[in-house]
Amino acid sequence: MIGKVRRGGRVTGLLAYLYGPGRASEHVNPHLVAGWRDPAELEPPLRPNGKHDLARLAALLRQPPAAIGEAERVWHCIARAAPQDRELTDAAWARVAREIMHRTGLAPHGQETEAVRWVAVHHGDNHIHIVATLARQDGHRPGISNDFYRVREACRAMEVELGLRRTAPGDRTAARRPTRGEREQTGRHGWDEIPREGLHRRVGAAAAAAASPEDFLRGLAQAGVQVRLRRGESGRVVGYAVALDHHRTPAGALAWYGGGKLAADLTWPKLCARWRRTPRDELREKAAAAAREAHGEEDFFHRLAEAGVLVRLRHSEINPGQVTGYAVSLPGTTPPAEPVWYGGGRLAGWLTLPRLRQRWAAGGRGWTQAEREALYGEAAQAASTAAARIRQDPDSAADIAWATADVLRVAAAALGNPVLVRAAEEYERAARNAYGRIPVISPEGVRLRAAARLLALAGTTGGRDTTLAGVALAGALASLVASVADLRRAQRQAAQADAARQAADRLLTQVTVSATPPGQAPPVRLRQDPPGQPAAGIREPRHGW
């Protein structure tokens, strides 16, 4: 059973719609099934023309706000059973309506004469509409904080009581779905995708590839996304909104979406939390970016200096004028007298000066195939380490599950594989913590995000990468996602476990197909773990997240 909450300002107009034929004549036999008083007493009478006289019911609902001198505010909730559920009786729907009003605190049991006035209208299609005015009869204002989640709790309780199809909890892990109006607008204009979904995809990709707020904003600009920042009194950025040029309001203004309206983990504070990185990771990313664009040795060191990196050259003892290596450090991270330096070899094997000179001698820019495969190997190793960590200590794995979404999304783009893109979309819900909580940052999560940023620097090959290193990376990601699925199942988070399992199955199938020699049929892969049971090595967590 699903509940949806809306708010408005005209009770008469809403009642007229509910007792009318509907947009497609879908309203059949509209009638009250529950209310703050006996529904038989409140039921609007029929006029001679066959229409309901709604004046008395509307006046009764408007009395509490009028008595305290407040403007009319209407609370509207639609509760709908699943298509597979049996048709509920009026008595069952009355029970649902009372439980919703009780759990939201708008009309607790036993407060019929003190709480808000409300009615529940049933008109077929196995759903009801609850209409309430937001003023209590005792002269106080009702609280409506988190009313959507209280409605979700009531619906889930009714699923158990009435034996209905079980649905996922309202744990804020699902992405925000487009509204009916957004879908209809997309159809009218013939757009390829719904603007909210397009923004969700682009913002998520920019966040996964970014190492800082500046990188994030730069990535959004490159993706054709308009950005509006919100600043606090101190001038610091505290939020943002995004828009697409072609999506506008009826007045012609851009239609803006805050990050939280796209997904719970795309708010500004949560984006800043995922951009934490070690000095070594930051130096490696800046050195990799400089190496990718540099024409030669002098240009490389110049680009590092422009990126704010301190550079120290190592000279030959035999030929003092000959540079044999380099080391880099970040200003301000250590006392000036004791900087921590990282040689190119400590950043990555392919960032040593001799290896870079070979690249420049060949006249190449961008990434060589060997360098791309080295990046794939680093990402695969990070994924394997993270998967092992989940199995060893599931209580500290929340950040790993969150970071997995970043590396999976970026790897899908780097490998140019649409199957992996689909798997990344399916996995997203499994990555998020319930109720929007930010997990404690873990070393494995930091390493996964660093691997994702390096893969983003590598870009794409312009086609599907079918090299052995690419297949190995997809296989390591499949194992990691499967470990997250087992973890979520052990935590009894069914919706997240299903999302991860679906993504893992897609990844494993793709790896099997890619590794099968031409002309042979891929082997049939059987699920080893019984549904609903944690895989071997995954124990029950000590406490939920």
Protein backbone atom coordinates (compact mmCIF):
# COMPACT_ATOMS: atom_id res chain seq x y z
CA MET A 1 0.00 0.00 0.00
CA ILE A 2 1.35 3.39 -1.00
CA GLY A 3 0.45 6.75 0.55
CA LYS A 4 1.02 10.12 -1.07
CA VAL A 5 0.65 13.47 0.69
CA ARG A 6 -0.32 16.76 -0.92
CA ARG A 7 -1.21 20.16 0.47
CA GLY A 8 -3.47 22.86 -0.90
CA GLY A 9 -5.74 25.73 0.03
CA ARG A 10 -9.31 25.07 -1.18
CA VAL A 11 -11.34 22.32 0.43
CA THR A 12 -14.38 23.05 -1.75
CA GLY A 13 -12.46 22.53 -4.99
CA LEU A 14 -10.91 19.29 -3.76
CA LEU A 15 -14.26 17.87 -2.64
CA ALA A 16 -15.79 18.86 -5.97
CA TYR A 17 -13.08 16.90 -7.78
CA LEU A 18 -13.43 13.84 -5.54
CA TYR A 19 -17.22 13.74 -5.92
CA GLY A 20 -17.03 14.53 -9.62
CA PRO A 21 -16.45 12.15 -12.55
CA GLY A 22 -12.65 12.51 -12.48
CA ARG A 23 -10.37 13.30 -15.41
CA ALA A 24 -11.33 10.12 -17.27
CA SER A 25 -14.67 9.28 -15.61
CA GLU A 26 -12.81 6.98 -13.22
CA HIS A 27 -14.71 8.13 -10.11
CA VAL A 28 -17.47 5.56 -9.55
CA ASN A 29 -19.94 5.88 -6.65
CA PRO A 30 -17.95 8.37 -4.54
CA HIS A 31 -18.89 8.15 -0.84
CA LEU A 32 -17.45 8.65 2.63
CA VAL A 33 -16.03 5.67 4.49
CA ALA A 34 -14.68 7.49 7.57
CA GLY A 35 -14.36 10.92 9.16
CA TRP A 36 -14.08 12.80 12.42
CA ARG A 37 -17.79 12.01 12.90
CA ASP A 38 -20.12 9.29 11.63
CA PRO A 39 -19.68 9.23 7.83
CA ALA A 40 -23.41 8.61 7.35
CA GLU A 41 -24.08 11.93 9.07
CA LEU A 42 -21.46 13.77 7.02
CA GLU A 43 -22.29 12.26 3.61
CA PRO A 44 -23.24 15.05 1.15
CA PRO A 45 -26.88 14.72 -0.02
CA LEU A 46 -27.83 14.41 -3.67
CA ARG A 47 -29.42 17.34 -5.50
CA PRO A 48 -32.31 16.86 -7.93
CA ASN A 49 -29.82 16.97 -10.82
CA GLY A 50 -27.97 13.93 -9.39
CA LYS A 51 -24.93 15.87 -8.17
CA HIS A 52 -23.82 16.01 -4.56
CA ASP A 53 -24.43 19.11 -2.47
CA LEU A 54 -21.02 19.73 -0.91
CA ALA A 55 -21.75 23.06 0.78
CA ARG A 56 -22.48 21.71 4.29
CA LEU A 57 -19.48 19.34 4.40
CA ALA A 58 -17.13 22.04 3.11
CA ALA A 59 -18.45 24.53 5.68
CA LEU A 60 -17.93 22.05 8.54
CA LEU A 61 -14.35 21.38 7.45
CA ARG A 62 -13.61 25.11 7.21
CA GLN A 63 -14.93 25.96 10.70
CA PRO A 64 -11.75 25.17 12.76
CA PRO A 65 -9.37 27.41 10.75
CA ALA A 66 -11.99 30.15 10.62
CA ALA A 67 -12.43 29.96 14.41
CA ILE A 68 -8.74 30.71 15.06
CA GLY A 69 -8.51 33.28 12.28
CA GLU A 70 -6.19 31.34 10.00
CA ALA A 71 -6.21 30.91 6.24
CA GLU A 72 -7.71 27.69 4.93
CA ARG A 73 -5.03 24.99 4.53
CA VAL A 74 -5.90 21.53 3.28
CA TRP A 75 -4.04 18.27 3.93
CA HIS A 76 -4.72 15.65 1.25
CA CYS A 77 -3.54 12.04 1.40
CA ILE A 78 -4.11 9.32 -1.22
CA ALA A 79 -3.74 5.72 0.01
CA ARG A 80 -3.73 3.06 -2.69
CA ALA A 81 -3.51 -0.72 -2.52
CA ALA A 82 -1.26 -2.63 -4.93
CA PRO A 83 -2.85 -3.87 -8.18
CA GLN A 84 -2.29 -7.45 -6.99
CA ASP A 85 -4.24 -6.88 -3.75
CA ARG A 86 -7.87 -7.86 -3.27
CA GLU A 87 -10.57 -5.18 -3.39
CA LEU A 88 -10.86 -3.76 0.12
CA THR A 89 -14.22 -3.17 1.77
CA ASP A 90 -15.38 0.21 3.07
CA ALA A 91 -14.74 -1.01 6.62
CA ALA A 92 -11.14 -1.92 5.73
CA TRP A 93 -10.54 1.44 4.12
CA ALA A 94 -12.04 3.17 7.17
CA ARG A 95 -9.50 1.30 9.32
CA VAL A 96 -6.69 2.44 7.00
CA ALA A 97 -7.84 6.07 7.15
CA ARG A 98 -8.05 6.14 10.96
CA GLU A 99 -4.60 4.58 11.30
CA ILE A 100 -3.09 7.19 8.96
CA MET A 101 -4.70 10.05 10.86
CA HIS A 102 -3.57 8.56 14.17
CA ARG A 103 0.07 7.98 13.19
CA THR A 104 0.47 11.42 11.63
CA GLY A 105 -0.85 12.97 14.85
CA LEU A 106 -3.51 14.91 12.97
CA ALA A 107 -6.35 12.95 14.62
CA PRO A 108 -5.07 10.56 17.31
CA HIS A 109 -7.43 7.85 18.53
CA GLY A 110 -9.80 9.23 21.17
CA GLN A 111 -9.42 12.89 20.11
CA GLU A 112 -12.30 13.06 17.66
CA THR A 113 -13.67 16.28 19.19
CA GLU A 114 -10.28 18.01 19.74
CA ALA A 115 -8.20 17.11 16.67
CA VAL A 116 -8.52 18.26 13.05
CA ARG A 117 -11.67 17.62 11.04
CA TRP A 118 -11.27 15.13 8.25
CA VAL A 119 -13.09 12.75 5.90
CA ALA A 120 -12.05 9.80 3.73
CA VAL A 121 -13.63 9.46 0.27
CA HIS A 122 -13.73 6.16 -1.60
CA HIS A 123 -14.68 6.08 -5.28
CA GLY A 124 -13.36 2.81 -6.68
CA ASP A 125 -9.99 1.69 -8.06
CA ASN A 126 -9.02 0.35 -4.60
CA HIS A 127 -7.91 3.64 -3.08
CA ILE A 128 -9.16 6.44 -0.85
CA HIS A 129 -8.59 10.18 -0.48
CA ILE A 130 -8.27 11.67 3.00
CA VAL A 131 -9.13 15.39 3.24
CA ALA A 132 -8.38 17.40 6.39
CA THR A 133 -8.16 21.08 7.28
CA LEU A 134 -5.00 22.01 9.17
CA ALA A 135 -6.48 23.49 12.33
CA ARG A 136 -7.50 21.56 15.44
CA GLN A 137 -10.94 21.94 16.92
CA ASP A 138 -9.43 22.85 20.29
CA GLY A 139 -7.87 25.97 18.74
CA HIS A 140 -4.30 24.72 18.28
CA ARG A 141 -2.23 24.18 15.16
CA PRO A 142 -1.45 20.54 14.29
CA GLY A 143 2.11 19.41 13.67
CA ILE A 144 2.76 17.90 10.25
CA SER A 145 6.52 17.33 10.46
CA ASN A 146 7.58 14.16 8.62
CA ASP A 147 3.95 13.39 7.79
CA PHE A 148 4.96 11.49 4.65
CA TYR A 149 7.03 9.03 6.68
CA ARG A 150 4.27 8.59 9.26
CA VAL A 151 1.87 7.80 6.42
CA ARG A 152 4.37 5.23 5.12
CA GLU A 153 4.50 3.61 8.57
CA ALA A 154 0.71 3.46 8.72
CA CYS A 155 0.49 1.87 5.26
CA ARG A 156 3.04 -0.78 6.17
CA ALA A 157 1.19 -1.57 9.39
CA MET A 158 -2.04 -1.98 7.43
CA GLU A 159 -0.30 -4.30 4.97
CA VAL A 160 0.42 -6.66 7.84
CA GLU A 161 -2.99 -6.32 9.47
CA LEU A 162 -4.99 -6.76 6.25
CA GLY A 163 -2.68 -9.31 4.60
CA LEU A 164 -1.74 -7.07 1.65
CA ARG A 165 1.31 -7.02 -0.59
CA ARG A 166 4.34 -5.81 1.40
CA THR A 167 6.11 -2.69 0.17
CA ALA A 168 9.44 -1.13 1.06
CA PRO A 169 9.72 1.24 4.04
CA GLY A 170 9.95 4.99 3.54
CA ASP A 171 13.64 5.04 4.45
CA ARG A 172 14.70 7.84 2.08
CA THR A 173 16.93 5.51 0.04
CA ALA A 174 14.87 5.71 -3.16
CA ALA A 175 15.52 8.48 -5.70
CA ARG A 176 12.80 11.08 -6.06
CA ARG A 177 10.37 10.01 -8.76
CA PRO A 178 9.11 12.41 -11.42
CA THR A 179 5.63 13.78 -10.86
CA ARG A 180 2.72 13.12 -13.17
CA GLY A 181 2.99 16.68 -14.48
CA GLU A 182 6.68 16.19 -15.32
CA ARG A 183 5.92 13.01 -17.23
CA GLU A 184 3.08 14.63 -19.16
CA GLN A 185 5.23 17.68 -19.97
CA THR A 186 7.99 15.43 -21.30
CA GLY A 187 5.51 13.67 -23.56
CA ARG A 188 4.04 16.91 -24.89
CA HIS A 189 7.46 18.31 -25.81
CA GLY A 190 8.86 15.04 -27.12
CA TRP A 191 11.92 15.14 -24.85
CA ASP A 192 14.15 12.06 -24.70
CA GLU A 193 14.04 11.88 -20.91
CA ILE A 194 12.21 13.45 -18.00
CA PRO A 195 14.17 16.52 -16.80
CA ARG A 196 14.33 15.35 -13.17
CA GLU A 197 15.79 12.00 -14.24
CA GLY A 198 18.25 13.66 -16.60
CA LEU A 199 19.43 15.99 -13.85
CA HIS A 200 19.73 13.10 -11.40
CA ARG A 201 21.94 11.23 -13.86
CA ARG A 202 24.16 14.20 -14.69
CA VAL A 203 24.53 15.45 -11.13
CA GLY A 204 25.33 11.94 -9.90
CA ALA A 205 28.00 11.50 -12.58
CA ALA A 206 29.57 14.89 -11.82
CA ALA A 207 29.63 14.14 -8.08
CA ALA A 208 31.25 10.73 -8.62
CA ALA A 209 34.04 12.17 -10.77
CA ALA A 210 34.67 15.26 -8.61
CA ALA A 211 37.31 15.67 -5.94
CA SER A 212 36.17 19.10 -4.72
CA PRO A 213 33.29 21.57 -5.03
CA GLU A 214 35.14 23.29 -7.87
CA ASP A 215 35.44 20.01 -9.77
CA PHE A 216 31.76 19.33 -9.20
CA LEU A 217 30.63 22.70 -10.53
CA ARG A 218 32.99 22.37 -13.49
CA GLY A 219 31.57 18.93 -14.29
CA LEU A 220 28.01 20.24 -14.18
CA ALA A 221 28.89 23.07 -16.57
CA GLN A 222 30.47 20.58 -18.98
CA ALA A 223 27.29 18.47 -18.80
CA GLY A 224 25.13 21.47 -19.79
CA VAL A 225 23.56 21.92 -16.35
CA GLN A 226 22.74 25.36 -14.96
CA VAL A 227 23.72 25.79 -11.28
CA ARG A 228 22.50 28.22 -8.63
CA LEU A 229 24.36 28.26 -5.30
CA ARG A 230 22.78 29.16 -1.96
CA ARG A 231 25.03 30.83 0.59
CA GLY A 232 24.64 31.29 4.33
CA GLU A 233 25.18 34.45 6.33
CA SER A 234 28.93 33.77 6.46
CA GLY A 235 29.10 33.56 2.67
CA ARG A 236 29.79 29.82 2.64
CA VAL A 237 27.89 27.64 0.19
CA VAL A 238 25.16 25.72 2.03
CA GLY A 239 23.12 24.41 -0.87
CA TYR A 240 22.58 24.41 -4.60
CA ALA A 241 19.94 23.95 -7.27
CA VAL A 242 20.24 22.76 -10.86
CA ALA A 243 18.23 23.25 -14.03
CA LEU A 244 18.24 22.45 -17.73
CA ASP A 245 17.92 25.22 -20.32
CA HIS A 246 14.95 23.62 -22.09
CA HIS A 247 12.92 22.90 -18.93
CA ARG A 248 10.97 25.96 -17.84
CA THR A 249 7.96 26.89 -15.76
CA PRO A 250 4.71 28.15 -17.37
CA ALA A 251 6.00 31.68 -16.68
CA GLY A 252 9.13 30.98 -18.73
CA ALA A 253 11.60 30.78 -15.83
CA LEU A 254 14.04 27.91 -15.39
CA ALA A 255 12.66 24.98 -13.39
CA TRP A 256 15.12 24.55 -10.53
CA TYR A 257 15.68 21.37 -8.47
CA GLY A 258 17.61 21.29 -5.21
CA GLY A 259 20.03 18.40 -4.81
CA GLY A 260 17.78 16.80 -2.20
CA LYS A 261 14.91 16.79 -4.70
CA LEU A 262 16.96 14.49 -6.94
CA ALA A 263 18.20 12.00 -4.31
CA ALA A 264 18.80 11.96 -0.57
CA ASP A 265 22.60 11.73 -0.97
CA LEU A 266 22.93 14.63 -3.42
CA THR A 267 22.52 17.45 -0.91
CA TRP A 268 25.46 19.81 -0.56
CA PRO A 269 26.60 18.58 2.92
CA LYS A 270 26.57 14.95 1.73
CA LEU A 271 28.47 15.81 -1.42
CA CYS A 272 31.14 17.56 0.65
CA ALA A 273 31.40 14.47 2.89
CA ARG A 274 32.16 12.20 -0.07
CA TRP A 275 34.91 14.53 -1.38
CA ARG A 276 37.25 13.94 1.54
CA ARG A 277 40.59 12.53 0.38
CA THR A 278 44.11 11.93 1.64
CA PRO A 279 47.04 14.16 0.59
CA ARG A 280 48.48 11.26 -1.43
CA ASP A 281 45.19 10.79 -3.31
CA GLU A 282 44.97 14.52 -4.05
CA LEU A 283 48.56 14.63 -5.31
CA ARG A 284 48.09 11.53 -7.45
CA GLU A 285 44.97 12.97 -9.07
CA LYS A 286 46.64 16.31 -9.79
CA ALA A 287 49.76 14.61 -11.16
CA ALA A 288 47.64 12.33 -13.34
CA ALA A 289 45.67 15.28 -14.70
CA ALA A 290 48.87 17.20 -15.46
CA ALA A 291 50.47 14.17 -17.12
CA ARG A 292 47.44 13.63 -19.32
CA GLU A 293 47.58 17.14 -20.81
CA ALA A 294 51.32 17.93 -20.74
CA HIS A 295 53.37 18.13 -23.95
CA GLY A 296 56.64 17.49 -22.16
CA GLU A 297 58.62 17.63 -18.94
CA GLU A 298 58.65 21.40 -18.54
CA ASP A 299 54.95 21.64 -19.33
CA PHE A 300 54.22 18.89 -16.77
CA PHE A 301 55.95 20.69 -13.91
CA HIS A 302 54.35 23.98 -14.95
CA ARG A 303 50.88 22.42 -14.81
CA LEU A 304 51.60 21.00 -11.35
CA ALA A 305 52.61 24.46 -10.11
CA GLU A 306 49.43 25.96 -11.57
CA ALA A 307 47.43 23.32 -9.67
CA GLY A 308 48.97 24.50 -6.39
CA VAL A 309 51.40 21.58 -6.03
CA LEU A 310 54.91 22.03 -4.60
CA VAL A 311 57.51 20.31 -6.78
CA ARG A 312 61.02 19.22 -5.82
CA LEU A 313 63.35 17.88 -8.51
CA ARG A 314 65.96 15.16 -7.95
CA HIS A 315 69.25 15.60 -9.85
CA SER A 316 71.87 13.08 -10.90
CA GLU A 317 74.93 12.80 -8.65
CA ILE A 318 77.09 12.18 -11.71
CA ASN A 319 75.56 14.86 -13.94
CA PRO A 320 74.22 17.56 -11.57
CA GLY A 321 72.27 19.26 -14.35
CA GLN A 322 70.33 16.11 -15.21
CA VAL A 323 66.88 15.66 -13.58
CA THR A 324 66.31 12.02 -12.64
CA GLY A 325 63.05 12.26 -10.70
CA TYR A 326 60.64 14.47 -8.83
CA ALA A 327 58.60 14.64 -5.65
CA VAL A 328 55.47 16.62 -4.86
CA SER A 329 53.78 17.98 -1.76
CA LEU A 330 50.81 20.15 -0.81
CA PRO A 331 51.26 23.58 0.77
CA GLY A 332 49.70 24.10 4.19
CA THR A 333 49.22 20.41 5.03
CA THR A 334 52.37 20.15 7.15
CA PRO A 335 54.66 22.60 8.96
CA PRO A 336 56.82 24.44 6.39
CA ALA A 337 60.00 23.00 7.87
CA GLU A 338 58.81 19.40 7.59
CA PRO A 339 56.83 18.90 4.38
CA VAL A 340 55.78 15.41 3.40
CA TRP A 341 56.95 14.64 -0.12
CA TYR A 342 55.73 11.90 -2.45
CA GLY A 343 57.89 10.70 -5.31
CA GLY A 344 56.20 9.93 -8.60
CA GLY A 345 56.64 6.20 -8.00
CA ARG A 346 54.77 6.45 -4.69
CA LEU A 347 51.81 7.98 -6.51
CA ALA A 348 51.65 5.38 -9.29
CA GLY A 349 54.12 3.26 -11.24
CA TRP A 350 53.25 5.03 -14.47
CA LEU A 351 53.88 8.48 -12.92
CA THR A 352 57.63 8.04 -12.53
CA LEU A 353 59.67 10.51 -14.56
CA PRO A 354 61.25 7.82 -16.83
CA ARG A 355 57.80 6.45 -17.69
CA LEU A 356 56.46 9.95 -18.37
CA ARG A 357 59.45 10.70 -20.61
CA GLN A 358 58.65 7.61 -22.66
CA ARG A 359 55.12 8.94 -23.10
CA TRP A 360 56.33 12.37 -24.21
CA ALA A 361 58.92 10.87 -26.55
CA ALA A 362 56.15 8.94 -28.29
CA GLY A 363 54.32 12.24 -28.78
CA GLY A 364 51.14 11.01 -27.12
CA ARG A 365 48.62 12.92 -25.04
CA GLY A 366 45.75 11.48 -23.09
CA TRP A 367 46.13 7.94 -21.78
CA THR A 368 47.97 5.06 -23.33
CA GLN A 369 46.34 1.63 -23.26
CA ALA A 370 48.91 0.45 -20.71
CA GLU A 371 48.10 3.38 -18.43
CA ARG A 372 44.37 2.75 -18.77
CA GLU A 373 44.89 -0.88 -17.83
CA ALA A 374 46.96 0.21 -14.83
CA LEU A 375 44.04 2.38 -13.69
CA TYR A 376 41.64 -0.53 -14.20
CA GLY A 377 43.92 -2.71 -12.10
CA GLU A 378 44.03 -0.17 -9.26
CA ALA A 379 40.25 0.16 -9.27
CA ALA A 380 39.80 -3.63 -9.35
CA GLN A 381 42.16 -4.02 -6.40
CA ALA A 382 40.28 -1.34 -4.45
CA ALA A 383 36.98 -3.12 -5.18
CA SER A 384 38.35 -6.50 -4.07
CA THR A 385 39.73 -5.04 -0.83
CA ALA A 386 36.41 -3.32 -0.12
CA ALA A 387 34.44 -6.54 -0.73
CA ALA A 388 36.68 -8.42 1.72
CA ARG A 389 36.22 -5.66 4.30
CA ILE A 390 32.43 -5.93 4.07
CA ARG A 391 32.61 -9.63 4.88
CA GLN A 392 35.04 -9.09 7.76
CA ASP A 393 33.23 -6.21 9.45
CA PRO A 394 29.73 -5.40 8.12
CA ASP A 395 29.15 -2.88 10.92
CA SER A 396 31.69 -0.50 9.34
CA ALA A 397 30.71 -1.08 5.70
CA ALA A 398 28.16 1.71 5.19
CA ASP A 399 30.70 4.02 3.56
CA ILE A 400 31.90 1.23 1.27
CA ALA A 401 28.35 0.66 0.02
CA TRP A 402 28.00 4.41 -0.59
CA ALA A 403 31.35 4.72 -2.40
CA THR A 404 30.59 1.68 -4.56
CA ALA A 405 27.97 3.72 -6.43
CA ASP A 406 30.62 6.25 -7.45
CA VAL A 407 33.19 3.78 -8.75
CA LEU A 408 30.51 1.72 -10.51
CA ARG A 409 29.05 4.75 -12.29
CA VAL A 410 32.45 6.07 -13.42
CA ALA A 411 33.74 2.62 -14.43
CA ALA A 412 30.66 2.09 -16.58
CA ALA A 413 31.43 5.30 -18.48
CA ALA A 414 35.17 4.53 -18.72
CA LEU A 415 34.54 1.05 -20.12
CA GLY A 416 31.87 2.36 -22.50
CA ASN A 417 29.55 -0.49 -21.53
CA PRO A 418 25.78 0.26 -21.48
CA VAL A 419 25.17 -2.90 -19.45
CA LEU A 420 27.32 -1.50 -16.65
CA VAL A 421 25.52 1.84 -16.94
CA ARG A 422 22.22 0.06 -16.32
CA ALA A 423 23.72 -1.87 -13.40
CA ALA A 424 24.95 1.40 -11.85
CA GLU A 425 21.43 2.83 -12.07
CA GLU A 426 19.94 -0.28 -10.48
CA TYR A 427 22.47 -0.27 -7.66
CA GLU A 428 21.96 3.34 -6.52
CA ARG A 429 19.31 2.64 -3.88
CA ALA A 430 21.51 0.01 -2.23
CA ALA A 431 24.23 2.63 -1.75
CA ARG A 432 22.22 5.01 0.42
CA ASN A 433 21.91 4.86 4.17
CA ALA A 434 18.42 4.77 5.62
CA TYR A 435 16.87 8.15 6.51
CA GLY A 436 19.62 10.11 4.79
CA ARG A 437 22.31 9.38 7.37
CA ILE A 438 25.90 10.15 6.37
CA PRO A 439 28.10 7.12 7.13
CA VAL A 440 31.45 7.34 8.88
CA ILE A 441 34.12 7.69 6.20
CA SER A 442 36.23 4.54 5.90
CA PRO A 443 39.70 3.96 4.38
CA GLU A 444 38.20 1.52 1.88
CA GLY A 445 35.55 4.06 0.86
CA VAL A 446 38.19 6.75 0.40
CA ARG A 447 40.21 4.38 -1.80
CA LEU A 448 37.17 3.52 -3.92
CA ARG A 449 36.39 7.19 -4.50
CA ALA A 450 40.01 7.89 -5.39
CA ALA A 451 39.87 5.06 -7.94
CA ALA A 452 36.66 6.52 -9.34
CA ARG A 453 38.23 9.95 -9.81
CA LEU A 454 41.25 8.48 -11.62
CA LEU A 455 38.94 6.49 -13.89
CA ALA A 456 37.06 9.71 -14.61
CA LEU A 457 40.34 11.37 -15.61
CA ALA A 458 40.96 8.49 -18.00
CA GLY A 459 37.72 9.30 -19.82
CA THR A 460 36.31 6.85 -22.34
CA THR A 461 37.87 4.99 -25.25
CA GLY A 462 35.10 6.05 -27.62
CA GLY A 463 33.68 2.52 -27.70
CA ARG A 464 33.27 -0.56 -25.55
CA ASP A 465 36.49 -1.66 -23.82
CA THR A 466 36.72 -5.46 -24.09
CA THR A 467 40.30 -5.87 -22.87
CA LEU A 468 41.14 -8.44 -20.23
CA ALA A 469 41.82 -5.66 -17.72
CA GLY A 470 38.37 -4.19 -18.40
CA VAL A 471 36.68 -7.56 -17.90
CA ALA A 472 38.66 -8.06 -14.67
CA LEU A 473 37.49 -4.67 -13.40
CA ALA A 474 33.86 -5.53 -14.18
CA GLY A 475 34.32 -8.84 -12.37
CA ALA A 476 35.74 -7.17 -9.25
CA LEU A 477 32.85 -4.70 -9.24
CA ALA A 478 30.37 -7.56 -9.60
CA SER A 479 31.86 -9.24 -6.54
CA LEU A 480 31.74 -5.98 -4.58
CA VAL A 481 28.10 -5.32 -5.48
CA ALA A 482 27.19 -8.91 -4.57
CA SER A 483 28.82 -8.40 -1.16
CA VAL A 484 26.72 -5.27 -0.63
CA ALA A 485 23.60 -7.25 -1.59
CA ASP A 486 24.43 -9.90 1.01
CA LEU A 487 25.07 -7.18 3.57
CA ARG A 488 21.73 -5.45 2.95
CA ARG A 489 19.93 -8.78 3.13
CA ALA A 490 21.61 -9.51 6.48
CA GLN A 491 20.43 -6.08 7.66
CA ARG A 492 16.87 -6.96 6.54
CA GLN A 493 16.79 -3.99 4.18
CA ALA A 494 14.79 -5.73 1.47
CA ALA A 495 14.49 -2.91 -1.06
CA GLN A 496 18.21 -2.13 -0.95
CA ALA A 497 19.14 -5.82 -1.06
CA ASP A 498 16.97 -6.32 -4.16
CA ALA A 499 18.55 -3.31 -5.87
CA ALA A 500 22.07 -4.58 -5.22
CA ARG A 501 21.24 -8.17 -6.18
CA GLN A 502 19.70 -7.06 -9.47
CA ALA A 503 22.80 -4.99 -10.28
CA ALA A 504 25.11 -7.85 -9.26
CA ASP A 505 23.26 -10.34 -11.45
CA ARG A 506 23.52 -7.99 -14.42
CA LEU A 507 27.24 -7.46 -13.85
CA LEU A 508 27.99 -11.16 -13.40
CA THR A 509 26.06 -12.04 -16.55
CA GLN A 510 28.01 -9.43 -18.51
CA VAL A 511 31.34 -10.70 -17.18
CA THR A 512 30.40 -14.28 -18.06
CA VAL A 513 29.45 -13.30 -21.60
CA SER A 514 32.61 -11.20 -22.07
CA ALA A 515 34.86 -14.01 -20.85
CA THR A 516 33.24 -16.69 -23.04
CA PRO A 517 35.26 -17.53 -26.20
CA PRO A 518 33.51 -16.75 -29.50
CA GLY A 519 31.28 -19.56 -30.72
CA GLN A 520 30.67 -21.01 -27.25
CA ALA A 521 27.53 -20.63 -25.17
CA PRO A 522 28.11 -18.93 -21.81
CA PRO A 523 27.68 -21.28 -18.83
CA VAL A 524 24.50 -21.08 -16.76
CA ARG A 525 25.20 -19.38 -13.44
CA LEU A 526 23.14 -20.57 -10.50
CA ARG A 527 22.50 -18.53 -7.37
CA GLN A 528 24.36 -20.16 -4.51
CA ASP A 529 22.62 -18.52 -1.60
CA PRO A 530 18.94 -19.22 -0.81
CA PRO A 531 16.71 -16.13 -1.09
CA GLY A 532 16.49 -14.16 2.12
CA GLN A 533 19.61 -15.74 3.66
CA PRO A 534 22.98 -14.00 4.12
CA ALA A 535 25.85 -15.44 2.10
CA ALA A 536 28.60 -17.35 3.80
CA GLY A 537 30.89 -15.02 5.73
CA ILE A 538 28.27 -12.31 6.25
CA ARG A 539 27.13 -12.18 9.86
CA GLU A 540 24.25 -10.19 11.31
CA PRO A 541 25.29 -6.60 12.11
CA ARG A 542 25.30 -5.61 15.76
CA HIS A 543 23.04 -2.64 15.13
CA GLY A 544 21.32 -1.04 12.15
CA TRP A 545 22.37 2.06 10.26
